[in-house]
Protein backbone atom coordinates (compact mmCIF):
# COMPACT_ATOMS: atom_id res chain seq x y z
CA MET A 1 0.00 0.00 0.00
CA PRO A 2 1.49 3.39 -0.97
CA ARG A 3 2.54 5.55 1.98
CA ALA A 4 0.17 8.42 2.74
CA LYS A 5 1.43 11.96 2.27
CA ARG A 6 1.26 12.47 6.03
CA GLN A 7 1.60 9.73 8.60
CA THR A 8 1.86 10.61 12.27
CA ALA A 9 3.65 7.91 14.25
CA PHE A 10 4.79 6.98 17.73
CA PHE A 11 8.43 6.63 18.75
CA PHE A 12 9.19 4.36 21.70
CA ASP A 13 12.58 3.96 23.37
CA ALA A 14 12.42 0.52 24.99
CA SER A 15 16.03 0.84 26.12
CA ALA A 16 15.06 3.47 28.72
CA CYS A 17 11.51 2.42 29.72
CA SER A 18 11.29 1.69 33.46
CA GLY A 19 7.88 0.01 33.23
CA CYS A 20 6.29 2.49 35.64
CA LYS A 21 3.01 2.46 33.62
CA THR A 22 2.48 6.22 34.02
CA CYS A 23 1.63 6.41 30.31
CA GLN A 24 -1.02 3.72 30.76
CA VAL A 25 -2.60 5.45 33.76
CA ALA A 26 -2.51 8.90 32.14
CA CYS A 27 -4.26 7.59 29.03
CA LYS A 28 -6.93 5.83 31.06
CA ASP A 29 -7.52 8.96 33.15
CA LYS A 30 -7.78 11.40 30.24
CA HIS A 31 -10.26 9.27 28.30
CA ASP A 32 -12.23 8.05 31.34
CA ALA A 33 -11.86 4.47 30.18
CA PRO A 34 -14.03 1.92 32.01
CA PRO A 35 -12.58 -1.10 33.86
CA GLY A 36 -10.92 -3.53 31.46
CA VAL A 37 -10.36 -0.97 28.69
CA ARG A 38 -6.70 -0.02 28.26
CA TRP A 39 -5.81 1.91 25.13
CA ARG A 40 -2.15 1.84 26.17
CA ARG A 41 -0.64 -1.18 27.85
CA VAL A 42 2.83 -1.85 29.22
CA TYR A 43 4.11 -5.35 28.52
CA GLU A 44 6.70 -6.83 30.88
CA VAL A 45 8.78 -9.08 28.65
CA CYS A 46 11.26 -11.58 30.04
CA GLY A 47 13.01 -14.80 29.23
CA GLY A 48 16.13 -16.85 29.81
CA GLU A 49 17.28 -19.21 32.52
CA TRP A 50 20.17 -20.27 34.73
CA VAL A 51 22.39 -22.93 33.19
CA LYS A 52 24.98 -25.00 35.03
CA GLU A 53 28.41 -25.07 33.41
CA GLY A 54 30.72 -27.32 35.33
CA SER A 55 30.72 -26.20 38.94
CA ALA A 56 29.35 -22.73 38.11
CA TRP A 57 25.99 -21.34 37.08
CA LYS A 58 25.63 -19.00 34.13
CA GLN A 59 22.46 -17.05 33.26
CA ASN A 60 21.11 -15.61 30.02
CA ILE A 61 18.11 -13.91 31.65
CA VAL A 62 16.72 -10.86 29.84
CA SER A 63 13.96 -8.42 30.77
CA TYR A 64 12.51 -5.25 29.24
CA ASN A 65 9.25 -3.31 28.91
CA MET A 66 7.16 -2.44 25.86
CA SER A 67 4.59 0.37 25.96
CA VAL A 68 1.99 -0.51 23.34
CA ALA A 69 -1.06 1.33 21.98
CA CYS A 70 -2.69 1.61 18.56
CA ASN A 71 0.07 2.00 15.97
CA HIS A 72 -2.17 3.90 13.50
CA CYS A 73 -0.99 1.53 10.82
CA GLU A 74 -0.29 2.56 7.26
CA ASP A 75 -2.39 -0.39 6.13
CA PRO A 76 -4.85 -0.82 9.06
CA ILE A 77 -6.51 -4.23 8.92
CA CYS A 78 -9.14 -3.03 11.40
CA MET A 79 -10.34 -0.50 8.82
CA THR A 80 -10.63 -3.06 6.03
CA THR A 81 -12.48 -5.59 8.20
CA CYS A 82 -15.03 -3.16 9.65
CA PRO A 83 -18.39 -3.97 7.97
CA THR A 84 -19.93 -0.57 8.72
CA LYS A 85 -16.94 1.53 7.64
CA ALA A 86 -16.83 3.06 11.11
CA ILE A 87 -13.02 3.10 11.08
CA THR A 88 -11.22 5.70 8.99
CA LYS A 89 -7.87 7.48 8.68
CA ASN A 90 -7.72 11.26 8.82
CA GLY A 91 -5.34 13.60 6.99
CA GLN A 92 -2.63 13.05 9.61
CA GLY A 93 -2.73 9.29 9.21
CA ILE A 94 -4.54 8.80 12.54
CA VAL A 95 -6.95 5.85 12.67
CA LEU A 96 -10.26 6.78 14.30
CA ILE A 97 -13.57 5.08 15.11
CA ASP A 98 -16.94 6.77 14.54
CA PRO A 99 -19.04 5.53 17.50
CA LYS A 100 -22.24 6.43 15.65
CA ARG A 101 -21.43 3.92 12.91
CA CYS A 102 -19.90 1.21 15.09
CA MET A 103 -22.29 -1.67 15.84
CA GLY A 104 -19.97 -3.42 18.29
CA CYS A 105 -19.46 -6.57 16.21
CA ARG A 106 -15.80 -6.72 17.36
CA TYR A 107 -14.45 -7.86 13.96
CA CYS A 108 -11.78 -5.16 14.22
CA GLU A 109 -10.74 -6.41 17.65
CA TRP A 110 -10.27 -9.95 16.35
CA SER A 111 -8.28 -8.82 13.32
CA CYS A 112 -5.84 -6.41 15.01
CA PRO A 113 -2.51 -8.17 15.75
CA TYR A 114 -1.66 -5.60 18.45
CA GLY A 115 -4.78 -5.88 20.60
CA ALA A 116 -5.31 -2.16 20.15
CA LEU A 117 -9.08 -2.12 19.80
CA GLN A 118 -11.04 -2.35 23.03
CA PHE A 119 -14.75 -3.05 23.53
CA ASP A 120 -16.55 -0.56 25.80
CA ASN A 121 -19.15 -2.63 27.62
CA ARG A 122 -21.00 0.47 28.80
CA LYS A 123 -21.57 1.94 25.35
CA LYS A 124 -21.44 -1.37 23.41
CA VAL A 125 -19.01 0.04 20.85
CA MET A 126 -15.34 -0.40 20.01
CA THR A 127 -12.81 2.14 21.24
CA LYS A 128 -9.09 2.73 20.73
CA CYS A 129 -6.23 5.19 21.03
CA THR A 130 -7.01 8.40 19.14
CA LEU A 131 -3.42 9.67 19.41
CA CYS A 132 -5.10 12.42 21.46
CA HIS A 133 -5.98 14.17 18.20
CA ASP A 134 -7.93 16.75 20.22
CA TYR A 135 -4.68 17.69 21.96
CA LEU A 136 -2.80 17.74 18.65
CA GLN A 137 -5.30 20.28 17.32
CA GLN A 138 -4.41 22.47 20.31
CA GLY A 139 -0.68 22.09 19.66
CA LYS A 140 -0.20 19.74 22.63
CA LEU A 141 1.35 16.29 22.83
CA PRO A 142 -0.64 13.11 23.48
CA VAL A 143 -1.09 12.58 27.21
CA CYS A 144 0.98 9.37 27.25
CA VAL A 145 3.92 11.26 25.75
CA SER A 146 3.77 14.24 28.11
CA ALA A 147 3.19 12.06 31.20
CA CYS A 148 6.19 9.74 30.70
CA PRO A 149 8.81 10.57 33.37
CA MET A 150 11.55 8.82 31.37
CA ARG A 151 10.65 10.60 28.11
CA VAL A 152 10.67 7.32 26.18
CA LEU A 153 7.57 8.18 24.12
CA ASP A 154 7.29 10.75 21.35
CA ILE A 155 5.37 11.38 18.14
CA GLY A 156 6.30 12.79 14.77
CA GLU A 157 6.12 12.28 11.04
CA LEU A 158 6.93 8.61 10.38
CA SER A 159 9.55 9.30 7.71
CA THR A 160 11.31 11.79 10.00
CA LEU A 161 11.34 9.37 12.93
CA GLU A 162 12.76 6.66 10.67
CA GLN A 163 15.56 8.98 9.56
CA GLN A 164 16.37 9.79 13.19
CA HIS A 165 16.02 6.37 14.80
CA GLY A 166 16.02 3.73 12.07
CA ARG A 167 13.16 1.50 10.97
CA ASN A 168 12.68 -1.07 13.73
CA ARG A 169 9.05 -2.19 14.15
CA GLU A 170 9.31 -5.85 15.13
CA VAL A 171 10.61 -6.04 18.70
CA TYR A 172 8.98 -8.95 20.59
CA PRO A 173 6.01 -9.26 21.21
CA PHE A 174 5.21 -7.33 18.01
CA PRO A 175 4.29 -9.43 14.94
CA LYS A 176 5.80 -9.02 11.50
CA GLU A 177 5.35 -5.48 10.21
CA THR A 178 4.16 -6.78 6.84
CA TYR A 179 0.73 -7.55 8.31
CA THR A 180 -0.35 -3.92 8.77
CA ALA A 181 2.73 -1.66 8.37
CA PRO A 182 2.49 -0.12 11.88
CA ALA A 183 3.32 3.57 12.14
CA ILE A 184 5.82 3.21 14.96
CA VAL A 185 9.57 3.36 15.38
CA ILE A 186 11.13 1.43 18.27
CA LYS A 187 14.56 1.75 19.80
CA PRO A 188 15.00 -1.77 21.19
CA HIS A 189 16.27 -2.59 24.64
CA PRO A 190 19.71 -4.26 24.34
CA ALA A 191 18.19 -7.42 25.82
CA ALA A 192 15.71 -7.62 22.94
CA ALA A 193 18.59 -8.47 20.59
CA THR A 194 19.67 -11.47 22.67
CA ASP A 195 19.25 -14.48 20.39
CA ASP A 196 20.18 -17.18 22.91
CA ALA A 197 17.55 -16.30 25.54
CA PRO A 198 14.90 -19.06 25.52
CA ASP A 199 11.26 -18.82 26.52
CA MET A 200 10.68 -15.15 25.74
CA HIS A 201 7.23 -14.36 27.07
CA ILE A 202 4.98 -11.65 28.50
CA ASP A 203 5.16 -11.85 32.28
CA ASN A 204 2.13 -9.71 33.22
CA VAL A 205 -0.57 -11.31 31.07
CA GLU A 206 -3.11 -11.01 33.90
CA GLU A 207 -2.87 -7.19 33.69
CA LEU A 208 -3.39 -7.06 29.94
């Protein structure tokens, strides 16, 4: 799919994320999300083990955090699967849901490989990160970006972020970028590049 003329994207520096979840709480507070609805989620990723080598023990344990929200994909599968055309992209490349057209069928939720779309049980419609487009119109940053004490989140034009930080979009637990072309650039934690760490998994599944 050809790249749009404008594509706003997230930048996330996993190498400096402390996993404090301030971004997650700030997002939930601003949008008054009901219990169970989390537009931004912080994944605690870990893996590795202790291995005995002779009389000594050696470990290859790795651990890092991933702050994940809607990636406002260049080729959003949620938009193509929505039967009522309630999901659209605006001129900034931001993927939005029209609650008046959404019938709550949850097809978009099932199709999104990032778990970004969340069902609001109160209103019986799908919801998701809006990239705080109301704040952007006021010249302000999204609340997750401004709330982060470690300054590991930012937004910008996708092509500019790629020039500054490279084009990494597939840090675990992200799927292959070819599915939806997510509009995100990630600076991986050094542990994410460890090839010999077995059993990489999400350690806080019960929160997510």
